[in-house]
Amino acid sequence: MSTQLKYYILYKPYRVLCQFSSSPGKLTLADVLQVSKDVYPVGRLDYESEGLLLLTNDKRLHTQLLHPSFAHPRAYWVQVEGQITPEAVEPLYAGIHIRIKRKTYHTLPLPPGAIQLLKEPPAVPERQPPIRYRKHVPTSWISIRLHEGKYHQIRKMTAAIGFPTLRLIRYAIGELQLGSLLPGEYREISEEQAWQALRR
């Protein structure tokens, strides 16, 4: 009997671990959604990041999404501390040195237009708990598309140019979109929709 393939998208809330196994004092995916035991997340979002997470029991999709030869864009909204400028983000296009697990890593060059400075914050729900408001320190938002996903990469990239990340939300994987989901909400999608995650 063949396994019935299942596909889900979830808006992973802030401070939820991308695992189903329990972790003392922390919420996990098991606290957010109920799916069969053979369904697991494809890739990860770190504990303090939010947004689109794809879950499936389709091993073929899992393999292709994680294999470097099938590099696909992932898009994020990033709230940073300070009023970011086009000049500030320019070094990111050529790639910069960051530290990953005590080793120096040079990020991949970005294609033109991969970073957009947003004039208005994206239409996203308030984070719980909210970002700490500091009257004399402005914040700003950018959108960034990457074809790689090293540990805390975006946070390290914005810190390297002097704009620490305050909030990080993944809103797309390939052509697969977060849509109108709210934190903690999830829905089942079709196989065709799930494979949009590989489209460039």
C-alpha atoms as a PDB file:
ATOM      1  CA  MET A   1       0.000   0.000   0.000  1.00  0.00           C
ATOM      2  CA  SER A   2       1.525   3.307  -1.108  1.00  0.00           C
ATOM      3  CA  THR A   3       1.881   6.214   1.298  1.00  0.00           C
ATOM      4  CA  GLN A   4      -0.568   9.053   0.768  1.00  0.00           C
ATOM      5  CA  LEU A   5       1.472  12.161   0.156  1.00  0.00           C
ATOM      6  CA  LYS A   6       0.562  15.166   2.287  1.00  0.00           C
ATOM      7  CA  TYR A   7       1.636  18.789   2.000  1.00  0.00           C
ATOM      8  CA  TYR A   8       1.062  21.655   4.425  1.00  0.00           C
ATOM      9  CA  ILE A   9       2.128  25.253   4.815  1.00  0.00           C
ATOM     10  CA  LEU A  10       2.394  26.835   8.253  1.00  0.00           C
ATOM     11  CA  TYR A  11       3.004  30.350   9.499  1.00  0.00           C
ATOM     12  CA  LYS A  12       5.573  29.412  12.130  1.00  0.00           C
ATOM     13  CA  PRO A  13       5.176  31.785  15.054  1.00  0.00           C
ATOM     14  CA  TYR A  14       7.978  33.570  16.861  1.00  0.00           C
ATOM     15  CA  ARG A  15       9.803  31.419  19.413  1.00  0.00           C
ATOM     16  CA  VAL A  16       8.657  28.032  18.170  1.00  0.00           C
ATOM     17  CA  LEU A  17      11.262  25.359  17.461  1.00  0.00           C
ATOM     18  CA  CYS A  18      11.170  23.695  14.014  1.00  0.00           C
ATOM     19  CA  GLN A  19      10.843  20.199  15.483  1.00  0.00           C
ATOM     20  CA  PHE A  20       8.119  17.955  16.824  1.00  0.00           C
ATOM     21  CA  SER A  21      10.153  16.455  19.652  1.00  0.00           C
ATOM     22  CA  SER A  22       9.702  18.195  22.988  1.00  0.00           C
ATOM     23  CA  SER A  23      12.198  20.694  24.371  1.00  0.00           C
ATOM     24  CA  PRO A  24      11.887  21.815  28.014  1.00  0.00           C
ATOM     25  CA  GLY A  25      10.606  25.356  28.329  1.00  0.00           C
ATOM     26  CA  LYS A  26      10.106  25.922  24.591  1.00  0.00           C
ATOM     27  CA  LEU A  27       7.216  25.516  22.192  1.00  0.00           C
ATOM     28  CA  THR A  28       7.650  23.168  19.247  1.00  0.00           C
ATOM     29  CA  LEU A  29       5.687  22.349  16.095  1.00  0.00           C
ATOM     30  CA  ALA A  30       3.743  19.771  18.111  1.00  0.00           C
ATOM     31  CA  ASP A  31       2.194  22.665  20.051  1.00  0.00           C
ATOM     32  CA  VAL A  32       1.078  24.372  16.854  1.00  0.00           C
ATOM     33  CA  LEU A  33      -0.260  21.763  14.425  1.00  0.00           C
ATOM     34  CA  GLN A  34      -1.529  18.203  14.330  1.00  0.00           C
ATOM     35  CA  VAL A  35      -0.323  16.113  11.380  1.00  0.00           C
ATOM     36  CA  SER A  36       0.574  12.462  10.870  1.00  0.00           C
ATOM     37  CA  LYS A  37       3.900  11.302  12.304  1.00  0.00           C
ATOM     38  CA  ASP A  38       5.546  10.855   8.898  1.00  0.00           C
ATOM     39  CA  VAL A  39       5.105  14.564   8.052  1.00  0.00           C
ATOM     40  CA  TYR A  40       8.072  16.781   8.870  1.00  0.00           C
ATOM     41  CA  PRO A  41       9.341  20.265   7.966  1.00  0.00           C
ATOM     42  CA  VAL A  42      11.417  20.855   4.846  1.00  0.00           C
ATOM     43  CA  GLY A  43      14.284  23.058   5.961  1.00  0.00           C
ATOM     44  CA  ARG A  44      14.146  25.211   9.054  1.00  0.00           C
ATOM     45  CA  LEU A  45      13.391  28.612  10.466  1.00  0.00           C
ATOM     46  CA  ASP A  46      15.314  29.497  13.575  1.00  0.00           C
ATOM     47  CA  TYR A  47      13.604  29.850  16.957  1.00  0.00           C
ATOM     48  CA  GLU A  48      13.214  33.632  16.748  1.00  0.00           C
ATOM     49  CA  SER A  49      12.234  33.796  13.063  1.00  0.00           C
ATOM     50  CA  GLU A  50       8.706  33.578  11.712  1.00  0.00           C
ATOM     51  CA  GLY A  51       6.843  32.780   8.571  1.00  0.00           C
ATOM     52  CA  LEU A  52       6.421  30.212   5.847  1.00  0.00           C
ATOM     53  CA  LEU A  53       7.280  26.615   6.648  1.00  0.00           C
ATOM     54  CA  LEU A  54       6.550  23.730   4.276  1.00  0.00           C
ATOM     55  CA  LEU A  55       5.851  20.311   5.773  1.00  0.00           C
ATOM     56  CA  THR A  56       5.432  17.041   3.899  1.00  0.00           C
ATOM     57  CA  ASN A  57       6.028  13.291   3.856  1.00  0.00           C
ATOM     58  CA  ASP A  58       7.140  13.504   0.211  1.00  0.00           C
ATOM     59  CA  LYS A  59      10.792  12.433   0.407  1.00  0.00           C
ATOM     60  CA  ARG A  60      11.473  13.374  -3.210  1.00  0.00           C
ATOM     61  CA  LEU A  61      10.402  16.980  -2.655  1.00  0.00           C
ATOM     62  CA  HIS A  62      12.352  17.106   0.594  1.00  0.00           C
ATOM     63  CA  THR A  63      15.535  15.901  -1.146  1.00  0.00           C
ATOM     64  CA  GLN A  64      15.292  18.360  -4.022  1.00  0.00           C
ATOM     65  CA  LEU A  65      14.505  21.348  -1.823  1.00  0.00           C
ATOM     66  CA  LEU A  66      17.530  20.713   0.375  1.00  0.00           C
ATOM     67  CA  HIS A  67      20.028  19.731  -2.341  1.00  0.00           C
ATOM     68  CA  PRO A  68      22.370  22.581  -3.430  1.00  0.00           C
ATOM     69  CA  SER A  69      21.947  21.729  -7.130  1.00  0.00           C
ATOM     70  CA  PHE A  70      18.285  22.722  -6.900  1.00  0.00           C
ATOM     71  CA  ALA A  71      18.975  26.177  -5.465  1.00  0.00           C
ATOM     72  CA  HIS A  72      15.753  28.142  -5.198  1.00  0.00           C
ATOM     73  CA  PRO A  73      14.969  31.603  -3.860  1.00  0.00           C
ATOM     74  CA  ARG A  74      13.583  32.216  -0.412  1.00  0.00           C
ATOM     75  CA  ALA A  75      12.136  35.641   0.304  1.00  0.00           C
ATOM     76  CA  TYR A  76      12.063  37.441   3.656  1.00  0.00           C
ATOM     77  CA  TRP A  77      10.756  40.615   5.193  1.00  0.00           C
ATOM     78  CA  VAL A  78      13.327  41.990   7.589  1.00  0.00           C
ATOM     79  CA  GLN A  79      12.806  44.738  10.163  1.00  0.00           C
ATOM     80  CA  VAL A  80      16.098  46.323  11.118  1.00  0.00           C
ATOM     81  CA  GLU A  81      17.211  48.816  13.708  1.00  0.00           C
ATOM     82  CA  GLY A  82      17.992  52.173  12.132  1.00  0.00           C
ATOM     83  CA  GLN A  83      16.982  53.895   8.894  1.00  0.00           C
ATOM     84  CA  ILE A  84      18.571  51.673   6.261  1.00  0.00           C
ATOM     85  CA  THR A  85      19.683  53.180   2.930  1.00  0.00           C
ATOM     86  CA  PRO A  86      20.485  51.906  -0.587  1.00  0.00           C
ATOM     87  CA  GLU A  87      24.162  52.666   0.090  1.00  0.00           C
ATOM     88  CA  ALA A  88      24.100  50.549   3.237  1.00  0.00           C
ATOM     89  CA  VAL A  89      22.846  47.405   1.489  1.00  0.00           C
ATOM     90  CA  GLU A  90      25.138  47.773  -1.543  1.00  0.00           C
ATOM     91  CA  PRO A  91      27.965  45.628  -0.044  1.00  0.00           C
ATOM     92  CA  LEU A  92      25.542  42.692   0.311  1.00  0.00           C
ATOM     93  CA  TYR A  93      25.243  42.413  -3.460  1.00  0.00           C
ATOM     94  CA  ALA A  94      28.896  41.471  -3.879  1.00  0.00           C
ATOM     95  CA  GLY A  95      28.782  39.111  -0.894  1.00  0.00           C
ATOM     96  CA  ILE A  96      30.315  39.770   2.508  1.00  0.00           C
ATOM     97  CA  HIS A  97      32.246  37.854   5.123  1.00  0.00           C
ATOM     98  CA  ILE A  98      30.248  36.549   8.075  1.00  0.00           C
ATOM     99  CA  ARG A  99      31.052  34.036  10.794  1.00  0.00           C
ATOM    100  CA  ILE A 100      29.255  30.691  10.674  1.00  0.00           C
ATOM    101  CA  LYS A 101      30.036  28.226  13.459  1.00  0.00           C
ATOM    102  CA  ARG A 102      33.411  29.858  14.161  1.00  0.00           C
ATOM    103  CA  LYS A 103      34.413  29.844  10.493  1.00  0.00           C
ATOM    104  CA  THR A 104      34.488  32.710   8.018  1.00  0.00           C
ATOM    105  CA  TYR A 105      31.986  32.391   5.192  1.00  0.00           C
ATOM    106  CA  HIS A 106      31.591  34.638   2.144  1.00  0.00           C
ATOM    107  CA  THR A 107      27.952  34.988   1.193  1.00  0.00           C
ATOM    108  CA  LEU A 108      26.939  34.444  -2.421  1.00  0.00           C
ATOM    109  CA  PRO A 109      26.572  37.492  -4.686  1.00  0.00           C
ATOM    110  CA  LEU A 110      22.979  38.667  -5.092  1.00  0.00           C
ATOM    111  CA  PRO A 111      21.259  39.415  -8.408  1.00  0.00           C
ATOM    112  CA  PRO A 112      20.068  42.961  -9.129  1.00  0.00           C
ATOM    113  CA  GLY A 113      16.922  43.818  -7.233  1.00  0.00           C
ATOM    114  CA  ALA A 114      17.325  41.066  -4.641  1.00  0.00           C
ATOM    115  CA  ILE A 115      17.012  43.649  -1.854  1.00  0.00           C
ATOM    116  CA  GLN A 116      14.151  46.115  -1.769  1.00  0.00           C
ATOM    117  CA  LEU A 117      13.853  48.963   0.732  1.00  0.00           C
ATOM    118  CA  LEU A 118      10.209  49.108   1.765  1.00  0.00           C
ATOM    119  CA  LYS A 119       8.617  52.530   2.126  1.00  0.00           C
ATOM    120  CA  GLU A 120       5.913  51.075   4.356  1.00  0.00           C
ATOM    121  CA  PRO A 121       6.033  48.072   6.710  1.00  0.00           C
ATOM    122  CA  PRO A 122       4.564  44.900   5.170  1.00  0.00           C
ATOM    123  CA  ALA A 123       1.016  44.012   6.198  1.00  0.00           C
ATOM    124  CA  VAL A 124       1.950  41.508   8.898  1.00  0.00           C
ATOM    125  CA  PRO A 125       0.423  40.821  12.318  1.00  0.00           C
ATOM    126  CA  GLU A 126       2.018  42.233  15.433  1.00  0.00           C
ATOM    127  CA  ARG A 127       4.615  39.947  16.926  1.00  0.00           C
ATOM    128  CA  GLN A 128       3.882  38.384  20.307  1.00  0.00           C
ATOM    129  CA  PRO A 129       5.637  39.557  22.371  1.00  0.00           C
ATOM    130  CA  PRO A 130       6.017  42.796  20.391  1.00  0.00           C
ATOM    131  CA  ILE A 131       9.287  44.369  19.300  1.00  0.00           C
ATOM    132  CA  ARG A 132      10.596  46.613  22.086  1.00  0.00           C
ATOM    133  CA  TYR A 133       9.773  50.201  21.162  1.00  0.00           C
ATOM    134  CA  ARG A 134      12.630  52.708  21.470  1.00  0.00           C
ATOM    135  CA  LYS A 135      11.474  56.282  20.938  1.00  0.00           C
ATOM    136  CA  HIS A 136      14.779  57.649  19.676  1.00  0.00           C
ATOM    137  CA  VAL A 137      15.816  54.660  17.535  1.00  0.00           C
ATOM    138  CA  PRO A 138      13.973  54.361  14.203  1.00  0.00           C
ATOM    139  CA  THR A 139      13.382  51.044  12.462  1.00  0.00           C
ATOM    140  CA  SER A 140      12.942  50.187   8.804  1.00  0.00           C
ATOM    141  CA  TRP A 141      12.000  47.217   6.626  1.00  0.00           C
ATOM    142  CA  ILE A 142      13.620  45.525   3.656  1.00  0.00           C
ATOM    143  CA  SER A 143      12.693  42.568   1.486  1.00  0.00           C
ATOM    144  CA  ILE A 144      15.517  40.204   0.559  1.00  0.00           C
ATOM    145  CA  ARG A 145      15.679  37.125  -1.670  1.00  0.00           C
ATOM    146  CA  LEU A 146      18.417  34.543  -1.110  1.00  0.00           C
ATOM    147  CA  HIS A 147      19.334  31.280  -2.817  1.00  0.00           C
ATOM    148  CA  GLU A 148      21.145  29.988   0.255  1.00  0.00           C
ATOM    149  CA  GLY A 149      20.248  29.603   3.901  1.00  0.00           C
ATOM    150  CA  LYS A 150      23.206  29.456   6.244  1.00  0.00           C
ATOM    151  CA  TYR A 151      22.716  29.551  10.000  1.00  0.00           C
ATOM    152  CA  HIS A 152      21.363  32.984  11.041  1.00  0.00           C
ATOM    153  CA  GLN A 153      22.598  34.287   7.687  1.00  0.00           C
ATOM    154  CA  ILE A 154      20.315  37.291   7.267  1.00  0.00           C
ATOM    155  CA  ARG A 155      20.805  38.370  10.868  1.00  0.00           C
ATOM    156  CA  LYS A 156      24.564  38.212  10.402  1.00  0.00           C
ATOM    157  CA  MET A 157      24.403  40.047   7.079  1.00  0.00           C
ATOM    158  CA  THR A 158      22.395  42.995   8.388  1.00  0.00           C
ATOM    159  CA  ALA A 159      24.517  43.187  11.537  1.00  0.00           C
ATOM    160  CA  ALA A 160      27.659  43.305   9.385  1.00  0.00           C
ATOM    161  CA  ILE A 161      26.432  46.476   7.660  1.00  0.00           C
ATOM    162  CA  GLY A 162      25.379  48.088  10.952  1.00  0.00           C
ATOM    163  CA  PHE A 163      21.632  47.374  10.963  1.00  0.00           C
ATOM    164  CA  PRO A 164      20.766  44.601  13.446  1.00  0.00           C
ATOM    165  CA  THR A 165      17.726  42.500  12.587  1.00  0.00           C
ATOM    166  CA  LEU A 166      14.772  42.977  14.925  1.00  0.00           C
ATOM    167  CA  ARG A 167      12.214  40.805  13.154  1.00  0.00           C
ATOM    168  CA  LEU A 168      12.557  38.234  10.365  1.00  0.00           C
ATOM    169  CA  ILE A 169       9.623  36.766   8.426  1.00  0.00           C
ATOM    170  CA  ARG A 170       9.943  34.340   5.508  1.00  0.00           C
ATOM    171  CA  TYR A 171       7.070  34.981   3.110  1.00  0.00           C
ATOM    172  CA  ALA A 172       8.000  32.868   0.085  1.00  0.00           C
ATOM    173  CA  ILE A 173       9.867  29.716  -0.916  1.00  0.00           C
ATOM    174  CA  GLY A 174      10.264  29.733  -4.684  1.00  0.00           C
ATOM    175  CA  GLU A 175       6.783  30.669  -5.900  1.00  0.00           C
ATOM    176  CA  LEU A 176       5.067  29.235  -2.819  1.00  0.00           C
ATOM    177  CA  GLN A 177       3.609  32.111  -0.802  1.00  0.00           C
ATOM    178  CA  LEU A 178       2.638  32.592   2.834  1.00  0.00           C
ATOM    179  CA  GLY A 179      -0.545  34.315   1.711  1.00  0.00           C
ATOM    180  CA  SER A 180      -3.101  35.297   4.343  1.00  0.00           C
ATOM    181  CA  LEU A 181      -2.018  32.821   7.022  1.00  0.00           C
ATOM    182  CA  LEU A 182      -1.602  34.206  10.525  1.00  0.00           C
ATOM    183  CA  PRO A 183       0.942  32.996  13.117  1.00  0.00           C
ATOM    184  CA  GLY A 184       0.088  29.445  14.144  1.00  0.00           C
ATOM    185  CA  GLU A 185      -2.303  28.874  11.240  1.00  0.00           C
ATOM    186  CA  TYR A 186      -1.693  26.138   8.699  1.00  0.00           C
ATOM    187  CA  ARG A 187      -3.477  24.546   5.785  1.00  0.00           C
ATOM    188  CA  GLU A 188      -3.123  21.577   3.523  1.00  0.00           C
ATOM    189  CA  ILE A 189      -2.083  22.310  -0.048  1.00  0.00           C
ATOM    190  CA  SER A 190      -1.942  20.267  -3.230  1.00  0.00           C
ATOM    191  CA  GLU A 191       1.126  18.494  -4.573  1.00  0.00           C
ATOM    192  CA  GLU A 192       1.228  20.949  -7.471  1.00  0.00           C
ATOM    193  CA  GLN A 193       1.210  23.908  -5.070  1.00  0.00           C
ATOM    194  CA  ALA A 194       3.962  22.372  -2.933  1.00  0.00           C
ATOM    195  CA  TRP A 195       6.267  21.904  -5.915  1.00  0.00           C
ATOM    196  CA  GLN A 196       6.031  25.628  -6.612  1.00  0.00           C
ATOM    197  CA  ALA A 197       8.632  25.922  -3.852  1.00  0.00           C
ATOM    198  CA  LEU A 198      11.254  24.775  -6.370  1.00  0.00           C
ATOM    199  CA  ARG A 199      10.375  27.302  -9.027  1.00  0.00           C
ATOM    200  CA  ARG A 200      12.814  30.129  -9.554  1.00  0.00           C
END
